[in-house]
N, C-alpha and C. Protein backbone atom coordinates (compact mmCIF):
# COMPACT_ATOMS: atom_id res chain seq x y z
N LEU A 1 0.81 -1.19 0.00
CA LEU A 1 0.00 0.00 0.00
C LEU A 1 0.85 1.26 0.00
N PHE A 2 1.94 1.23 0.75
CA PHE A 2 2.81 2.40 0.78
C PHE A 2 3.41 2.67 -0.60
N ASP A 3 3.81 1.61 -1.30
CA ASP A 3 4.35 1.76 -2.65
C ASP A 3 3.31 2.31 -3.60
N LEU A 4 2.08 1.86 -3.46
CA LEU A 4 0.99 2.35 -4.29
C LEU A 4 0.83 3.86 -4.12
N LEU A 5 0.85 4.34 -2.89
CA LEU A 5 0.75 5.77 -2.64
C LEU A 5 1.93 6.53 -3.24
N GLU A 6 3.12 5.97 -3.11
CA GLU A 6 4.31 6.60 -3.68
C GLU A 6 4.18 6.78 -5.19
N ARG A 7 3.48 5.87 -5.84
CA ARG A 7 3.29 5.95 -7.29
C ARG A 7 2.10 6.83 -7.67
N GLY A 8 1.46 7.47 -6.68
CA GLY A 8 0.33 8.34 -6.97
C GLY A 8 -1.02 7.66 -6.89
N GLY A 9 -1.05 6.43 -6.39
CA GLY A 9 -2.30 5.69 -6.27
C GLY A 9 -3.17 6.21 -5.15
N VAL A 10 -4.34 5.67 -5.05
CA VAL A 10 -5.32 6.06 -4.05
C VAL A 10 -5.67 4.85 -3.19
N VAL A 11 -5.76 5.07 -1.89
CA VAL A 11 -6.17 4.03 -0.95
C VAL A 11 -7.38 4.58 -0.21
N ALA A 12 -8.41 3.78 -0.05
CA ALA A 12 -9.63 4.24 0.63
C ALA A 12 -10.10 3.17 1.59
N GLY A 13 -10.88 3.60 2.56
CA GLY A 13 -11.48 2.66 3.50
C GLY A 13 -12.73 3.28 4.08
N ALA A 14 -13.70 2.46 4.43
CA ALA A 14 -14.93 2.92 5.07
C ALA A 14 -15.08 2.19 6.39
N GLY A 15 -15.61 2.88 7.39
CA GLY A 15 -15.81 2.26 8.70
C GLY A 15 -14.49 1.78 9.28
N SER A 16 -14.42 0.48 9.58
CA SER A 16 -13.19 -0.09 10.14
C SER A 16 -12.02 0.05 9.18
N GLY A 17 -12.28 0.03 7.89
CA GLY A 17 -11.22 0.20 6.90
C GLY A 17 -10.59 1.57 6.98
N ALA A 18 -11.40 2.60 7.21
CA ALA A 18 -10.87 3.95 7.37
C ALA A 18 -10.03 4.05 8.65
N ARG A 19 -10.50 3.42 9.71
CA ARG A 19 -9.73 3.44 10.97
C ARG A 19 -8.40 2.73 10.81
N PHE A 20 -8.40 1.64 10.05
CA PHE A 20 -7.17 0.85 9.88
C PHE A 20 -6.07 1.63 9.16
N LEU A 21 -6.42 2.60 8.35
CA LEU A 21 -5.41 3.37 7.60
C LEU A 21 -4.57 4.27 8.49
N ALA A 22 -5.03 4.56 9.70
CA ALA A 22 -4.33 5.44 10.62
C ALA A 22 -3.24 4.71 11.40
N ASP A 23 -2.43 5.48 12.13
CA ASP A 23 -1.47 4.88 13.05
C ASP A 23 -2.19 4.20 14.21
N HIS A 24 -3.26 4.80 14.67
CA HIS A 24 -4.02 4.28 15.81
C HIS A 24 -5.50 4.22 15.45
N MET A 25 -6.16 3.19 15.96
CA MET A 25 -7.59 3.02 15.73
C MET A 25 -8.22 2.44 16.99
N PRO A 26 -9.51 2.71 17.20
CA PRO A 26 -10.14 2.16 18.40
C PRO A 26 -10.18 0.64 18.31
N GLY A 27 -9.94 0.04 19.44
CA GLY A 27 -9.95 -1.42 19.47
C GLY A 27 -11.13 -1.95 20.26
N ASP A 28 -10.87 -2.94 21.04
CA ASP A 28 -11.91 -3.54 21.85
C ASP A 28 -11.95 -2.84 23.21
N ALA A 29 -12.46 -3.50 24.20
CA ALA A 29 -12.57 -2.91 25.53
C ALA A 29 -11.21 -2.59 26.15
N TYR A 30 -10.14 -3.06 25.54
CA TYR A 30 -8.81 -2.84 26.11
C TYR A 30 -8.13 -1.60 25.57
N GLY A 31 -8.78 -0.85 24.72
CA GLY A 31 -8.21 0.41 24.26
C GLY A 31 -7.95 0.48 22.77
N TRP A 32 -6.93 1.23 22.42
CA TRP A 32 -6.61 1.51 21.02
C TRP A 32 -5.58 0.54 20.50
N ASN A 33 -5.69 0.25 19.21
CA ASN A 33 -4.75 -0.65 18.54
C ASN A 33 -3.98 0.11 17.47
N ARG A 34 -2.91 -0.50 17.03
CA ARG A 34 -2.14 0.07 15.92
C ARG A 34 -2.85 -0.22 14.61
N GLY A 35 -2.92 0.80 13.75
CA GLY A 35 -3.41 0.61 12.39
C GLY A 35 -2.21 0.35 11.49
N CYS A 36 -2.41 0.44 10.19
CA CYS A 36 -1.30 0.17 9.27
C CYS A 36 -0.38 1.38 9.09
N GLY A 37 -0.82 2.57 9.50
CA GLY A 37 0.06 3.73 9.49
C GLY A 37 0.15 4.50 8.18
N LEU A 38 -0.77 4.26 7.24
CA LEU A 38 -0.74 5.06 6.01
C LEU A 38 -1.00 6.53 6.30
N SER A 39 -1.86 6.79 7.25
CA SER A 39 -2.11 8.16 7.69
C SER A 39 -1.29 8.36 8.96
N ARG A 40 -0.08 8.87 8.77
CA ARG A 40 0.89 8.95 9.87
C ARG A 40 0.48 9.95 10.95
N GLN A 41 0.90 9.65 12.17
CA GLN A 41 0.66 10.50 13.34
C GLN A 41 -0.82 10.84 13.50
N SER A 42 -1.68 9.84 13.29
CA SER A 42 -3.11 10.09 13.40
C SER A 42 -3.81 8.97 14.14
N ALA A 43 -4.99 9.33 14.64
CA ALA A 43 -5.92 8.37 15.23
C ALA A 43 -7.26 8.63 14.57
N VAL A 44 -7.90 7.61 14.03
CA VAL A 44 -9.16 7.78 13.31
C VAL A 44 -10.24 6.94 13.97
N HIS A 45 -11.41 7.55 14.11
CA HIS A 45 -12.57 6.88 14.70
C HIS A 45 -13.79 7.22 13.85
N THR A 46 -14.72 6.30 13.74
CA THR A 46 -16.00 6.57 13.11
C THR A 46 -17.03 6.70 14.22
N TRP A 47 -18.17 7.25 13.91
CA TRP A 47 -19.11 7.66 14.95
C TRP A 47 -20.38 6.84 15.05
N PRO A 48 -20.35 5.59 15.42
CA PRO A 48 -21.60 4.88 15.63
C PRO A 48 -22.32 5.39 16.88
N ALA A 49 -21.57 5.83 17.87
CA ALA A 49 -22.13 6.44 19.09
C ALA A 49 -21.29 7.68 19.38
N PRO A 50 -21.68 8.85 18.85
CA PRO A 50 -20.82 10.04 18.87
C PRO A 50 -20.22 10.41 20.22
N LYS A 51 -21.00 10.41 21.29
CA LYS A 51 -20.46 10.83 22.58
C LYS A 51 -19.39 9.88 23.06
N ARG A 52 -19.66 8.58 22.96
CA ARG A 52 -18.68 7.59 23.41
C ARG A 52 -17.41 7.68 22.59
N ALA A 53 -17.56 7.82 21.29
CA ALA A 53 -16.39 7.90 20.41
C ALA A 53 -15.57 9.15 20.70
N SER A 54 -16.24 10.27 20.95
CA SER A 54 -15.54 11.51 21.28
C SER A 54 -14.77 11.35 22.59
N ASP A 55 -15.39 10.75 23.58
CA ASP A 55 -14.70 10.51 24.86
C ASP A 55 -13.50 9.60 24.68
N GLU A 56 -13.64 8.57 23.84
CA GLU A 56 -12.52 7.66 23.57
C GLU A 56 -11.37 8.39 22.89
N MET A 57 -11.69 9.29 21.95
CA MET A 57 -10.65 10.04 21.25
C MET A 57 -9.91 10.96 22.20
N VAL A 58 -10.64 11.67 23.04
CA VAL A 58 -10.01 12.57 24.01
C VAL A 58 -9.08 11.77 24.93
N ALA A 59 -9.55 10.63 25.42
CA ALA A 59 -8.73 9.80 26.30
C ALA A 59 -7.47 9.32 25.60
N ALA A 60 -7.59 8.90 24.34
CA ALA A 60 -6.42 8.42 23.59
C ALA A 60 -5.41 9.54 23.35
N LEU A 61 -5.89 10.73 23.01
CA LEU A 61 -4.97 11.83 22.73
C LEU A 61 -4.33 12.39 23.99
N LYS A 62 -4.95 12.19 25.13
CA LYS A 62 -4.30 12.58 26.38
C LYS A 62 -3.05 11.72 26.60
N LEU A 63 -3.10 10.47 26.14
CA LEU A 63 -1.94 9.58 26.28
C LEU A 63 -0.88 9.85 25.21
N GLU A 64 -1.31 10.25 24.01
CA GLU A 64 -0.39 10.53 22.90
C GLU A 64 -0.80 11.82 22.22
N PRO A 65 -0.49 12.97 22.85
CA PRO A 65 -0.97 14.26 22.34
C PRO A 65 -0.38 14.68 20.99
N SER A 66 0.65 14.04 20.53
CA SER A 66 1.21 14.42 19.22
C SER A 66 0.35 13.92 18.06
N LEU A 67 -0.54 12.96 18.32
CA LEU A 67 -1.41 12.45 17.26
C LEU A 67 -2.48 13.47 16.91
N LEU A 68 -2.89 13.48 15.67
CA LEU A 68 -4.02 14.28 15.24
C LEU A 68 -5.21 13.33 15.17
N GLY A 69 -6.27 13.65 15.91
CA GLY A 69 -7.45 12.80 15.94
C GLY A 69 -8.45 13.21 14.86
N LEU A 70 -9.08 12.22 14.28
CA LEU A 70 -10.07 12.47 13.24
C LEU A 70 -11.28 11.58 13.47
N GLY A 71 -12.44 12.19 13.56
CA GLY A 71 -13.69 11.44 13.68
C GLY A 71 -14.54 11.66 12.44
N LEU A 72 -15.09 10.60 11.91
CA LEU A 72 -15.85 10.69 10.66
C LEU A 72 -17.30 10.27 10.85
N ASP A 73 -18.22 11.12 10.37
CA ASP A 73 -19.63 10.76 10.33
C ASP A 73 -19.84 9.67 9.29
N GLU A 74 -21.02 9.03 9.35
CA GLU A 74 -21.39 8.09 8.29
C GLU A 74 -21.49 8.84 6.97
N ARG A 75 -21.23 8.15 5.88
CA ARG A 75 -21.29 8.71 4.53
C ARG A 75 -20.40 9.93 4.37
N THR A 76 -19.26 9.91 5.06
CA THR A 76 -18.30 11.02 5.02
C THR A 76 -16.91 10.44 4.86
N ALA A 77 -16.08 11.14 4.11
CA ALA A 77 -14.69 10.70 3.90
C ALA A 77 -13.80 11.93 3.86
N VAL A 78 -12.52 11.69 3.93
CA VAL A 78 -11.54 12.75 3.71
C VAL A 78 -10.59 12.30 2.61
N ILE A 79 -10.18 13.24 1.82
CA ILE A 79 -9.16 13.00 0.81
C ILE A 79 -7.90 13.71 1.29
N VAL A 80 -6.81 12.98 1.37
CA VAL A 80 -5.55 13.55 1.81
C VAL A 80 -4.60 13.57 0.62
N GLN A 81 -4.09 14.76 0.31
CA GLN A 81 -3.08 14.92 -0.72
C GLN A 81 -2.01 15.83 -0.14
N GLY A 82 -0.80 15.31 -0.04
CA GLY A 82 0.28 16.09 0.57
C GLY A 82 -0.08 16.41 2.00
N ASN A 83 -0.04 17.71 2.33
CA ASN A 83 -0.35 18.15 3.70
C ASN A 83 -1.79 18.62 3.86
N TRP A 84 -2.62 18.42 2.85
CA TRP A 84 -4.00 18.90 2.89
C TRP A 84 -5.00 17.76 2.99
N MET A 85 -6.03 18.00 3.80
CA MET A 85 -7.13 17.06 3.93
C MET A 85 -8.41 17.81 3.56
N GLU A 86 -9.26 17.19 2.72
CA GLU A 86 -10.54 17.79 2.35
C GLU A 86 -11.67 16.83 2.67
N VAL A 87 -12.75 17.36 3.23
CA VAL A 87 -13.90 16.56 3.61
C VAL A 87 -14.84 16.43 2.42
N ILE A 88 -15.31 15.19 2.17
CA ILE A 88 -16.31 14.96 1.13
C ILE A 88 -17.41 14.09 1.72
N GLY A 89 -18.57 14.10 1.08
CA GLY A 89 -19.69 13.28 1.52
C GLY A 89 -20.81 14.09 2.10
N GLU A 90 -21.64 13.44 2.89
CA GLU A 90 -22.85 14.07 3.43
C GLU A 90 -22.70 14.58 4.86
N GLY A 91 -21.73 14.09 5.59
CA GLY A 91 -21.59 14.45 7.00
C GLY A 91 -20.42 15.38 7.26
N LYS A 92 -19.91 15.31 8.47
CA LYS A 92 -18.83 16.18 8.91
C LYS A 92 -17.66 15.35 9.42
N ALA A 93 -16.51 16.00 9.51
CA ALA A 93 -15.32 15.38 10.10
C ALA A 93 -14.91 16.23 11.31
N ALA A 94 -14.63 15.57 12.41
CA ALA A 94 -14.18 16.25 13.63
C ALA A 94 -12.67 16.10 13.73
N VAL A 95 -11.97 17.21 13.93
CA VAL A 95 -10.51 17.19 14.07
C VAL A 95 -10.16 17.51 15.52
N PHE A 96 -9.42 16.62 16.15
CA PHE A 96 -8.98 16.76 17.53
C PHE A 96 -7.48 17.06 17.53
N ASP A 97 -7.08 18.21 18.05
CA ASP A 97 -5.66 18.58 18.07
C ASP A 97 -5.24 18.84 19.51
N ALA A 98 -4.60 17.84 20.12
CA ALA A 98 -4.19 17.93 21.52
C ALA A 98 -2.99 18.84 21.73
N THR A 99 -2.38 19.35 20.65
CA THR A 99 -1.25 20.25 20.81
C THR A 99 -1.69 21.69 21.04
N ARG A 100 -2.98 21.98 20.87
CA ARG A 100 -3.51 23.34 21.08
C ARG A 100 -3.52 23.68 22.56
N SER A 101 -3.23 24.91 22.86
CA SER A 101 -3.19 25.39 24.24
C SER A 101 -4.54 25.19 24.92
N GLY A 102 -4.51 24.62 26.12
CA GLY A 102 -5.72 24.43 26.90
C GLY A 102 -6.57 23.24 26.52
N TRP A 103 -6.12 22.43 25.58
CA TRP A 103 -6.91 21.27 25.15
C TRP A 103 -6.89 20.19 26.22
N PRO A 104 -7.90 19.39 26.46
CA PRO A 104 -9.20 19.42 25.79
C PRO A 104 -10.10 20.47 26.39
N TRP A 105 -10.84 21.11 25.55
CA TRP A 105 -11.81 22.07 26.01
C TRP A 105 -13.05 21.30 26.43
N GLU A 106 -14.04 21.99 26.87
CA GLU A 106 -15.24 21.34 27.39
C GLU A 106 -16.16 20.81 26.28
N GLY A 107 -16.72 19.63 26.49
CA GLY A 107 -17.76 19.06 25.63
C GLY A 107 -17.41 19.05 24.16
N ASP A 108 -18.30 19.61 23.35
CA ASP A 108 -18.11 19.61 21.91
C ASP A 108 -16.95 20.50 21.48
N GLU A 109 -16.43 21.28 22.39
CA GLU A 109 -15.32 22.16 22.05
C GLU A 109 -13.98 21.41 22.02
N ALA A 110 -14.00 20.11 22.24
CA ALA A 110 -12.77 19.31 22.19
C ALA A 110 -12.30 19.10 20.76
N PHE A 111 -13.13 19.49 19.78
CA PHE A 111 -12.77 19.25 18.39
C PHE A 111 -13.30 20.38 17.51
N LEU A 112 -12.76 20.43 16.30
CA LEU A 112 -13.18 21.37 15.27
C LEU A 112 -13.97 20.58 14.24
N LEU A 113 -15.15 21.05 13.86
CA LEU A 113 -15.96 20.36 12.87
C LEU A 113 -15.72 20.94 11.48
N LEU A 114 -15.43 20.07 10.54
CA LEU A 114 -15.28 20.46 9.14
C LEU A 114 -16.43 19.90 8.33
N ARG A 115 -16.96 20.70 7.46
CA ARG A 115 -18.08 20.30 6.59
C ARG A 115 -17.55 19.91 5.21
N PRO A 116 -18.40 19.29 4.39
CA PRO A 116 -17.95 18.94 3.04
C PRO A 116 -17.37 20.14 2.30
N ASP A 117 -16.30 19.90 1.56
CA ASP A 117 -15.55 20.89 0.78
C ASP A 117 -14.64 21.76 1.62
N GLU A 118 -14.64 21.60 2.94
CA GLU A 118 -13.71 22.37 3.75
C GLU A 118 -12.39 21.61 3.85
N ARG A 119 -11.30 22.39 3.95
CA ARG A 119 -9.97 21.79 3.94
C ARG A 119 -9.24 22.09 5.25
N TYR A 120 -8.27 21.22 5.54
CA TYR A 120 -7.48 21.34 6.77
C TYR A 120 -6.02 21.10 6.42
N ASP A 121 -5.15 21.99 6.90
CA ASP A 121 -3.71 21.87 6.68
C ASP A 121 -3.14 20.95 7.76
N LEU A 122 -2.73 19.76 7.37
CA LEU A 122 -2.26 18.76 8.33
C LEU A 122 -0.92 19.13 8.95
N GLN A 123 -0.09 19.86 8.22
CA GLN A 123 1.21 20.25 8.77
C GLN A 123 1.08 21.42 9.74
N ALA A 124 0.34 22.45 9.37
CA ALA A 124 0.15 23.61 10.24
C ALA A 124 -0.92 23.35 11.30
N ARG A 125 -1.72 22.30 11.08
CA ARG A 125 -2.82 21.95 11.99
C ARG A 125 -3.80 23.10 12.15
N ARG A 126 -4.32 23.54 11.01
CA ARG A 126 -5.34 24.58 11.04
C ARG A 126 -6.22 24.47 9.79
N PRO A 127 -7.49 24.90 9.93
CA PRO A 127 -8.39 24.85 8.78
C PRO A 127 -8.07 25.95 7.79
N GLU A 128 -8.50 25.75 6.57
CA GLU A 128 -8.39 26.78 5.54
C GLU A 128 -9.76 27.45 5.47
N TRP A 129 -9.93 28.57 6.10
CA TRP A 129 -11.22 29.28 6.08
C TRP A 129 -11.12 30.41 5.09
């Protein structure tokens, strides 16, 4: 898969497949597992139960704050090219950045919500507004 990306190919995943592409993904009751690492320095979660998933992401990033957390709604994806990520689909993507001063903030303020067609600079860790 890494060679495919080097040649300009595309790799995609939905649900568990999307989580597997990250360095870290939610596992069973014992915590987070390693993914394949195509999306480096990241943790990806999908939202079957939004509050629980958000709490799990915050807990994971408290242990490894250098990771960039990403939560995906159903029927939502991100396209990553170089240092840019763009949201596509019908839902939203939540970006959790534990390197921000004062993080985690309270409740829904623990993440930034991106809508379809919005972009995020993965290197600078900020949205393109």
